[in-house]
Amino acid sequence: MHPAPDSATVPLDRQTIQALVSTLRQLEAFLDECDETVSDALEAHVGIRPAAESYSAILEGHAEALESALASPPRHVQMGDTSPQLRAIPVTFTVGKHDDRGEYLLHLRDYSPGQIWEPGMWSLLGGGREPQDATLEDTVRRELAEEADLDLADLSPFATEYASHDDGTTVPIAVYAGRWNGDPRELRLTEGVMLAWFAPDDLHRLRIADTTSALVRRHAAGLPPIRSGPAPAPAPAPAPAPAPAPAPAPAPAPAPAEHRPPSPHGTVPHIIGVHLYLERPDGTVLLGLRHPDSAFAPSTWHVLAGHCEQENAIDCLIREAREEAGLRIERRDVELVHVVHHIGQPRNPPRMALFFRARTWGGEPVLREPDKCTQWKFWDPAALPDDLVPYTRLAITKIRNGEPYSETGWPA
């Protein structure tokens, strides 16, 4: 079946499909040919075809009709109601949040190729509409609460975008805009790696979809100019004396607006990871066996490690050691012993792995986060396990040789 010109495709849930098919089966013509025109007054047609094992289907109609339907709740098709202006359920939405400085809150997605949309890329927070959502705004607010424990006072529709899947289908995306002046560190992020503010001029530094970058820039172009600093002082009233008054002192010039110059073209942000090199007096080194369901290196040995939040690297190390293994480490006992500059696939964000040695510490390793690590064990560096994260093996070897830097994964 071929889509009508200017049509858009929208996956529907199983319940909606069943209701739609039940109605369409009342049309005898539909039983013979699902591609049949259902109204002489319409140039487009409505058809149903299988799309995936998840019992989704494709609803076809004019793109303009689908766009106008985004703001309305779904309704079931009644007999004779065969217009392409069916209330389509959009598969997803995104929400752009900006602050009074004109920066935008972006979400670094997990690197899970084949499992999620835009893996390892910066994106706007978003998600799919669920049956309990009466309106798209309900979807927006539910997703923000679930993903980041975020509640915005004001949200407004901004645009409707269309995204293409690898299979060629196109889905509508409703984009909402809101304003928030807060610290991303205080949000409880349940999906992805991190949230951070970015100015539109810095988007070229990020691994971000061109469509997302263009969307943010388009929204920023419609905002009023940002003003900062005191307004110019009003000119003093002329003196009432008949004698000429001395010229008033010029009003103080307003402070220059805060402006962060864009980074040089071509620069990209790096993900900073901290790693604990914990060596006992007998020379053995602490490793943890990662959980089988871990997104990174499942069922593989690795040193205690974590990603920096809005904090310095040593504070991150101390926090991760306490949270993951119950170890007490003081800043004065920490020293940097190795740095690995590494990358996976060429399009992945580059990473800096900082390995810190704790000369002394308190406590013994315990399983504080069994959903991440299933075992702690001290290993002889001369007999490390086979299933060890490769760059960790490299770092341990370099540390024992007294070498401060290594790199891996970069194209030759």
Protein backbone atom coordinates (compact mmCIF):
# COMPACT_ATOMS: atom_id res chain seq x y z
CA MET A 1 0.00 0.00 0.00
CA HIS A 2 1.39 3.41 -0.94
CA PRO A 3 0.78 6.48 1.26
CA ALA A 4 -1.19 9.39 -0.08
CA PRO A 5 0.73 12.52 -1.13
CA ASP A 6 1.71 14.80 1.74
CA SER A 7 0.70 12.15 4.25
CA ALA A 8 2.29 11.53 7.62
CA THR A 9 2.46 8.24 9.50
CA VAL A 10 1.66 7.83 13.17
CA PRO A 11 2.03 4.55 15.16
CA LEU A 12 -1.05 3.79 17.23
CA ASP A 13 -1.39 1.66 20.32
CA ARG A 14 -3.12 -1.73 20.22
CA GLN A 15 -6.34 -0.54 21.87
CA THR A 16 -6.83 2.25 19.34
CA ILE A 17 -6.08 -0.09 16.44
CA GLN A 18 -8.65 -2.61 17.65
CA ALA A 19 -11.30 0.11 17.94
CA LEU A 20 -10.46 1.47 14.50
CA VAL A 21 -10.45 -1.94 12.82
CA SER A 22 -13.72 -2.87 14.52
CA THR A 23 -15.37 0.20 13.01
CA LEU A 24 -13.85 -0.14 9.57
CA ARG A 25 -14.95 -3.77 9.33
CA GLN A 26 -18.51 -2.47 9.18
CA LEU A 27 -17.64 -1.26 5.70
CA GLU A 28 -17.96 -4.18 3.31
CA ALA A 29 -15.56 -2.54 0.90
CA PHE A 30 -12.85 -2.55 3.57
CA LEU A 31 -13.05 -6.33 3.87
CA ASP A 32 -12.17 -6.67 0.19
CA GLU A 33 -9.55 -3.97 -0.14
CA CYS A 34 -8.05 -2.07 2.80
CA ASP A 35 -6.71 0.59 0.42
CA GLU A 36 -10.16 1.60 -0.84
CA THR A 37 -11.25 5.24 -0.81
CA VAL A 38 -13.89 5.63 1.89
CA SER A 39 -15.39 8.94 0.82
CA ASP A 40 -15.92 10.43 -2.62
CA ALA A 41 -15.30 13.85 -1.13
CA LEU A 42 -11.79 13.01 0.01
CA GLU A 43 -8.69 12.82 -2.11
CA ALA A 44 -6.73 10.97 0.57
CA HIS A 45 -7.47 7.58 2.01
CA VAL A 46 -7.21 5.83 5.31
CA GLY A 47 -5.52 2.45 5.41
CA ILE A 48 -4.23 -0.04 7.93
CA ARG A 49 -1.12 -2.16 7.55
CA PRO A 50 1.03 -4.12 10.06
CA ALA A 51 4.06 -2.22 11.34
CA ALA A 52 5.72 -4.27 14.10
CA GLU A 53 5.27 -7.16 16.47
CA SER A 54 4.10 -4.68 19.11
CA TYR A 55 0.72 -4.58 17.35
CA SER A 56 1.24 -1.08 16.04
CA ALA A 57 -0.14 0.15 12.73
CA ILE A 58 0.08 3.10 10.40
CA LEU A 59 -2.73 5.67 10.16
CA GLU A 60 -2.39 7.64 6.96
CA GLY A 61 -3.89 11.03 6.12
CA HIS A 62 -3.03 14.61 5.27
CA ALA A 63 -0.06 15.96 7.26
CA GLU A 64 -1.95 19.20 7.87
CA ALA A 65 -4.83 17.30 9.40
CA LEU A 66 -2.51 15.29 11.64
CA GLU A 67 -0.73 18.44 12.76
CA SER A 68 -3.98 20.09 13.82
CA ALA A 69 -4.98 16.91 15.63
CA LEU A 70 -1.95 17.00 17.90
CA ALA A 71 -3.62 19.44 20.27
CA SER A 72 -6.75 17.32 20.70
CA PRO A 73 -7.30 14.17 22.76
CA PRO A 74 -7.80 10.91 20.86
CA ARG A 75 -11.30 9.80 19.90
CA HIS A 76 -12.59 6.60 18.33
CA VAL A 77 -13.86 6.51 14.76
CA GLN A 78 -17.64 6.24 14.51
CA MET A 79 -19.57 4.90 11.51
CA GLY A 80 -19.40 7.45 8.72
CA ASP A 81 -16.63 9.45 10.41
CA THR A 82 -14.02 8.64 7.79
CA SER A 83 -12.28 12.00 7.38
CA PRO A 84 -8.46 12.00 7.42
CA GLN A 85 -8.80 14.39 10.34
CA LEU A 86 -8.85 11.45 12.74
CA ARG A 87 -7.55 12.22 16.20
CA ALA A 88 -4.08 10.72 15.95
CA ILE A 89 -2.07 9.81 19.02
CA PRO A 90 1.41 11.30 18.64
CA VAL A 91 4.20 8.89 19.49
CA THR A 92 6.38 11.41 21.25
CA PHE A 93 6.91 14.95 22.41
CA THR A 94 9.88 17.06 23.39
CA VAL A 95 10.02 20.01 25.72
CA GLY A 96 12.50 22.87 25.52
CA LYS A 97 13.28 24.50 28.85
CA HIS A 98 15.21 27.74 28.89
CA ASP A 99 16.27 30.07 31.68
CA ASP A 100 16.43 33.84 31.97
CA ARG A 101 19.99 33.76 30.62
CA GLY A 102 18.79 32.31 27.33
CA GLU A 103 20.34 28.88 27.92
CA TYR A 104 18.60 25.57 27.24
CA LEU A 105 18.45 22.46 29.39
CA LEU A 106 19.70 19.47 27.38
CA HIS A 107 19.73 15.78 28.23
CA LEU A 108 22.68 13.48 27.47
CA ARG A 109 21.08 10.17 26.51
CA ASP A 110 22.49 6.74 27.36
CA TYR A 111 24.67 5.16 24.72
CA SER A 112 22.47 2.15 23.94
CA PRO A 113 22.54 1.68 20.14
CA GLY A 114 19.49 -0.09 18.77
CA GLN A 115 17.59 0.32 22.03
CA ILE A 116 16.78 4.02 22.28
CA TRP A 117 16.36 7.02 20.00
CA GLU A 118 19.56 9.07 19.42
CA PRO A 119 21.87 7.03 21.70
CA GLY A 120 24.75 8.95 23.25
CA MET A 121 23.49 12.30 21.95
CA TRP A 122 22.35 15.52 23.56
CA SER A 123 18.63 16.00 23.23
CA LEU A 124 15.58 17.64 24.75
CA LEU A 125 13.74 15.74 27.44
CA GLY A 126 10.86 13.83 25.93
CA GLY A 127 8.80 10.71 25.76
CA GLY A 128 5.76 8.97 24.35
CA ARG A 129 2.11 9.49 25.07
CA GLU A 130 0.48 6.81 27.23
CA PRO A 131 -3.18 5.78 27.50
CA GLN A 132 -3.72 7.64 30.78
CA ASP A 133 -2.66 10.97 29.25
CA ALA A 134 -5.79 12.93 28.37
CA THR A 135 -3.85 15.68 26.60
CA LEU A 136 -0.36 16.27 25.28
CA GLU A 137 0.32 18.63 28.17
CA ASP A 138 -0.48 15.74 30.51
CA THR A 139 2.16 13.73 28.66
CA VAL A 140 4.69 16.54 28.99
CA ARG A 141 4.17 16.92 32.71
CA ARG A 142 4.20 13.18 33.41
CA GLU A 143 7.44 12.63 31.48
CA LEU A 144 9.19 15.56 33.15
CA ALA A 145 8.18 14.23 36.55
CA GLU A 146 9.27 10.67 35.73
CA GLU A 147 12.59 11.52 34.06
CA ALA A 148 13.82 14.44 36.15
CA ASP A 149 11.34 15.04 39.01
CA LEU A 150 10.68 18.40 37.36
CA ASP A 151 7.46 20.44 37.60
CA LEU A 152 7.11 23.55 35.43
CA ALA A 153 4.47 26.16 36.21
CA ASP A 154 3.92 27.23 32.61
CA LEU A 155 4.13 25.18 29.43
CA SER A 156 2.99 26.18 25.98
CA PRO A 157 2.99 24.46 22.57
CA PHE A 158 5.82 25.74 20.39
CA ALA A 159 5.98 23.66 17.22
CA THR A 160 5.19 20.37 15.55
CA GLU A 161 8.19 18.58 14.05
CA TYR A 162 8.41 15.37 12.02
CA ALA A 163 11.10 12.76 12.52
CA SER A 164 11.99 9.85 10.26
CA HIS A 165 12.69 6.33 11.48
CA ASP A 166 15.29 4.12 9.85
CA ASP A 167 12.47 2.22 8.13
CA GLY A 168 11.33 5.39 6.37
CA THR A 169 8.22 6.05 8.44
CA THR A 170 7.62 9.58 9.70
CA VAL A 171 6.25 10.44 13.13
CA PRO A 172 4.98 13.79 14.44
CA ILE A 173 6.64 15.31 17.49
CA ALA A 174 4.85 17.97 19.50
CA VAL A 175 7.31 20.46 21.01
CA TYR A 176 6.46 22.39 24.17
CA ALA A 177 8.40 25.29 25.68
CA GLY A 178 8.76 26.29 29.30
CA ARG A 179 10.92 28.46 31.55
CA TRP A 180 12.92 27.20 34.52
CA ASN A 181 15.71 28.82 36.53
CA GLY A 182 17.25 26.00 38.52
CA ASP A 183 20.30 23.87 39.12
CA PRO A 184 20.30 20.58 37.15
CA ARG A 185 22.36 19.02 39.95
CA GLU A 186 19.33 19.16 42.21
CA LEU A 187 17.13 17.16 39.82
CA ARG A 188 16.62 13.43 40.29
CA LEU A 189 17.56 12.11 36.86
CA THR A 190 16.20 8.60 36.22
CA GLU A 191 17.19 8.20 32.54
CA GLY A 192 20.31 9.13 30.65
CA VAL A 193 23.68 10.40 31.84
CA MET A 194 23.22 14.04 32.82
CA LEU A 195 21.39 17.35 32.35
CA ALA A 196 23.19 20.61 31.61
CA TRP A 197 22.56 24.18 30.45
CA PHE A 198 23.87 25.22 27.03
CA ALA A 199 23.74 28.50 25.14
CA PRO A 200 22.57 28.26 21.50
CA ASP A 201 26.01 29.49 20.38
CA ASP A 202 27.62 26.41 21.96
CA LEU A 203 25.46 23.76 20.29
CA HIS A 204 28.05 23.17 17.56
CA ARG A 205 30.30 21.68 20.25
CA LEU A 206 27.82 18.94 21.07
CA ARG A 207 26.89 15.64 19.48
CA ILE A 208 23.33 16.73 18.79
CA ALA A 209 20.88 16.14 15.95
CA ASP A 210 20.75 18.94 13.38
CA THR A 211 16.98 19.11 13.79
CA THR A 212 17.26 19.59 17.57
CA SER A 213 19.91 22.28 17.18
CA ALA A 214 17.80 24.10 14.59
CA LEU A 215 14.73 23.87 16.83
CA VAL A 216 16.56 25.42 19.80
CA ARG A 217 18.01 28.19 17.64
CA ARG A 218 14.59 28.93 16.16
CA HIS A 219 13.09 29.26 19.62
CA ALA A 220 15.98 31.44 20.83
CA ALA A 221 15.54 33.76 17.85
CA GLY A 222 12.00 34.51 19.00
CA LEU A 223 12.96 35.51 22.56
CA PRO A 224 13.33 39.18 23.57
CA PRO A 225 16.92 40.44 23.95
CA ILE A 226 18.54 39.61 27.28
CA ARG A 227 19.29 42.71 29.37
CA SER A 228 21.50 42.80 32.43
CA GLY A 229 22.99 45.56 34.57
CA PRO A 230 21.36 48.76 35.84
CA ALA A 231 19.33 50.95 33.53
CA PRO A 232 20.81 54.36 32.69
CA ALA A 233 20.11 56.89 35.42
CA PRO A 234 17.56 59.57 34.46
CA ALA A 235 18.94 63.04 33.75
CA PRO A 236 18.58 65.37 36.75
CA ALA A 237 15.93 68.09 36.62
CA PRO A 238 17.24 71.55 35.64
CA ALA A 239 18.06 73.84 38.56
CA PRO A 240 15.36 76.46 39.27
CA ALA A 241 17.91 79.24 39.86
CA PRO A 242 18.10 81.80 37.07
CA ALA A 243 21.83 81.40 36.87
CA PRO A 244 22.93 78.70 34.48
CA ALA A 245 23.40 75.48 36.38
CA PRO A 246 26.53 73.43 35.85
CA ALA A 247 26.15 70.62 33.41
CA PRO A 248 24.97 67.45 35.17
CA ALA A 249 27.39 64.62 35.45
CA PRO A 250 26.79 61.98 32.80
CA ALA A 251 24.67 59.07 33.89
CA PRO A 252 26.61 55.91 34.65
CA ALA A 253 26.77 53.61 31.68
CA PRO A 254 24.92 50.32 32.08
CA ALA A 255 27.05 47.35 32.91
CA PRO A 256 27.80 45.27 29.83
CA ALA A 257 25.50 42.32 29.35
CA GLU A 258 26.94 39.02 30.44
CA HIS A 259 28.07 37.20 27.36
CA ARG A 260 29.88 33.93 27.12
CA PRO A 261 31.83 33.82 23.87
CA PRO A 262 31.27 30.70 21.82
CA SER A 263 33.92 28.03 21.95
CA PRO A 264 36.21 27.66 18.95
CA HIS A 265 34.56 25.81 16.11
CA GLY A 266 35.22 22.08 16.16
CA THR A 267 35.73 21.69 19.90
CA VAL A 268 33.62 19.01 21.56
CA PRO A 269 32.82 18.33 25.23
CA HIS A 270 34.38 15.32 26.94
CA ILE A 271 32.77 13.07 29.52
CA ILE A 272 34.87 12.94 32.68
CA GLY A 273 34.99 9.68 34.61
CA VAL A 274 36.78 9.12 37.92
CA HIS A 275 38.31 5.76 38.85
CA LEU A 276 39.64 4.50 42.17
CA TYR A 277 42.97 2.66 42.11
CA LEU A 278 42.92 1.01 45.53
CA GLU A 279 46.03 -1.06 46.25
CA ARG A 280 46.56 -2.93 49.51
CA PRO A 281 50.02 -3.31 51.10
CA ASP A 282 50.29 -6.78 49.55
CA GLY A 283 49.99 -5.23 46.07
CA THR A 284 46.51 -6.50 45.23
CA VAL A 285 44.07 -4.11 43.53
CA LEU A 286 40.33 -3.70 44.18
CA LEU A 287 37.98 -4.63 41.32
CA GLY A 288 34.20 -4.93 41.19
CA LEU A 289 32.12 -7.34 39.09
CA ARG A 290 29.49 -5.31 37.26
CA HIS A 291 25.87 -6.45 37.29
CA PRO A 292 24.69 -8.55 34.29
CA ASP A 293 22.07 -5.87 33.50
CA SER A 294 24.56 -3.00 33.46
CA ALA A 295 24.37 -0.84 30.35
CA PHE A 296 28.18 -0.65 30.29
CA ALA A 297 30.39 -3.76 30.53
CA PRO A 298 27.85 -6.21 32.02
CA SER A 299 29.32 -9.16 33.95
CA THR A 300 32.77 -7.62 33.58
CA TRP A 301 35.34 -6.60 36.21
CA HIS A 302 36.14 -2.92 36.59
CA VAL A 303 37.61 -0.57 39.18
CA LEU A 304 35.23 1.51 41.27
CA ALA A 305 34.24 4.36 38.98
CA GLY A 306 31.63 7.02 38.29
CA HIS A 307 30.83 10.14 36.29
CA CYS A 308 31.27 13.67 37.57
CA GLU A 309 28.14 15.59 38.33
CA GLN A 310 28.41 19.35 38.98
CA GLU A 311 31.44 18.73 41.19
CA ASN A 312 35.20 18.47 41.00
CA ALA A 313 36.82 15.14 40.25
CA ILE A 314 38.14 14.38 43.74
CA ASP A 315 34.79 15.16 45.36
CA CYS A 316 33.22 12.82 42.81
CA LEU A 317 35.71 10.06 43.71
CA ILE A 318 35.04 10.44 47.43
CA ARG A 319 31.28 10.38 46.85
CA GLU A 320 31.36 7.34 44.56
CA ALA A 321 33.58 5.37 46.96
CA ARG A 322 31.17 6.06 49.81
CA GLU A 323 27.99 5.36 47.80
CA GLU A 324 29.16 2.23 45.98
CA ALA A 325 31.44 0.51 48.51
CA GLY A 326 31.10 2.27 51.87
CA LEU A 327 34.74 3.42 51.80
CA ARG A 328 35.84 6.57 53.62
CA ILE A 329 38.46 8.55 51.75
CA GLU A 330 39.93 11.94 52.65
CA ARG A 331 40.93 14.46 49.99
CA ARG A 332 44.44 14.79 51.43
CA ASP A 333 45.03 11.06 50.82
CA VAL A 334 44.17 11.16 47.09
CA GLU A 335 46.66 11.52 44.22
CA LEU A 336 46.19 11.38 40.45
CA VAL A 337 48.24 8.50 39.03
CA HIS A 338 46.98 8.03 35.47
CA VAL A 339 44.77 9.49 32.71
CA VAL A 340 43.27 7.48 29.84
CA HIS A 341 41.98 9.51 26.88
CA HIS A 342 39.68 7.09 25.12
CA ILE A 343 36.79 6.82 22.69
CA GLY A 344 34.57 3.97 21.49
CA GLN A 345 33.13 4.50 18.03
CA PRO A 346 34.34 7.64 16.21
CA ARG A 347 30.94 9.35 16.70
CA ASN A 348 30.84 8.64 20.44
CA PRO A 349 31.63 11.44 22.91
CA PRO A 350 35.34 11.30 23.86
CA ARG A 351 36.11 10.49 27.47
CA MET A 352 38.78 11.30 30.02
CA ALA A 353 39.26 8.53 32.58
CA LEU A 354 41.03 9.88 35.66
CA PHE A 355 42.60 7.21 37.90
CA PHE A 356 43.21 8.30 41.50
CA ARG A 357 45.14 6.36 44.11
CA ALA A 358 43.94 6.50 47.71
CA ARG A 359 47.03 6.11 49.89
CA THR A 360 44.90 5.33 52.95
CA TRP A 361 41.20 4.77 53.49
CA GLY A 362 38.68 3.65 56.05
CA GLY A 363 36.42 0.61 55.95
CA GLU A 364 36.23 -2.54 53.85
CA PRO A 365 34.40 -2.73 50.51
CA VAL A 366 30.72 -3.63 50.90
CA LEU A 367 27.97 -3.96 48.29
CA ARG A 368 26.08 -0.69 48.69
CA GLU A 369 24.60 -0.79 45.16
CA PRO A 370 23.98 -4.46 44.29
CA ASP A 371 22.07 -3.43 41.16
CA LYS A 372 25.37 -2.12 39.78
CA CYS A 373 28.06 -4.31 41.34
CA THR A 374 27.66 -7.90 42.53
CA GLN A 375 31.10 -8.53 44.06
CA TRP A 376 34.20 -6.72 45.33
CA LYS A 377 37.53 -8.53 45.24
CA PHE A 378 41.24 -7.68 45.50
CA TRP A 379 43.21 -9.10 42.57
CA ASP A 380 46.88 -9.75 41.98
CA PRO A 381 47.91 -7.38 39.13
CA ALA A 382 49.92 -10.24 37.64
CA ALA A 383 46.81 -12.44 37.45
CA LEU A 384 43.96 -10.12 36.53
CA PRO A 385 40.65 -11.67 35.37
CA ASP A 386 40.14 -12.23 31.65
CA ASP A 387 36.79 -10.42 31.65
CA LEU A 388 38.25 -7.04 32.63
CA VAL A 389 37.36 -3.70 31.00
CA PRO A 390 40.16 -3.20 28.43
CA TYR A 391 41.08 0.38 29.28
CA THR A 392 41.14 -0.57 32.98
CA ARG A 393 43.64 -3.33 32.27
CA LEU A 394 45.72 -0.82 30.30
CA ALA A 395 45.60 1.72 33.13
CA ILE A 396 46.64 -0.78 35.81
CA THR A 397 49.64 -1.82 33.72
CA LYS A 398 50.65 1.80 33.09
CA ILE A 399 50.24 2.76 36.76
CA ARG A 400 52.54 -0.06 37.85
CA ASN A 401 55.07 1.11 35.26
CA GLY A 402 54.87 4.69 36.50
CA GLU A 403 53.39 6.03 33.24
CA PRO A 404 50.91 8.90 33.75
CA TYR A 405 49.05 8.87 30.42
CA SER A 406 47.64 6.50 27.80
CA GLU A 407 45.03 6.57 25.06
CA THR A 408 42.90 3.99 23.34
CA GLY A 409 40.14 3.69 20.76
CA TRP A 410 41.29 6.59 18.61
CA PRO A 411 41.68 5.95 14.88
CA ALA A 412 45.26 5.53 13.75
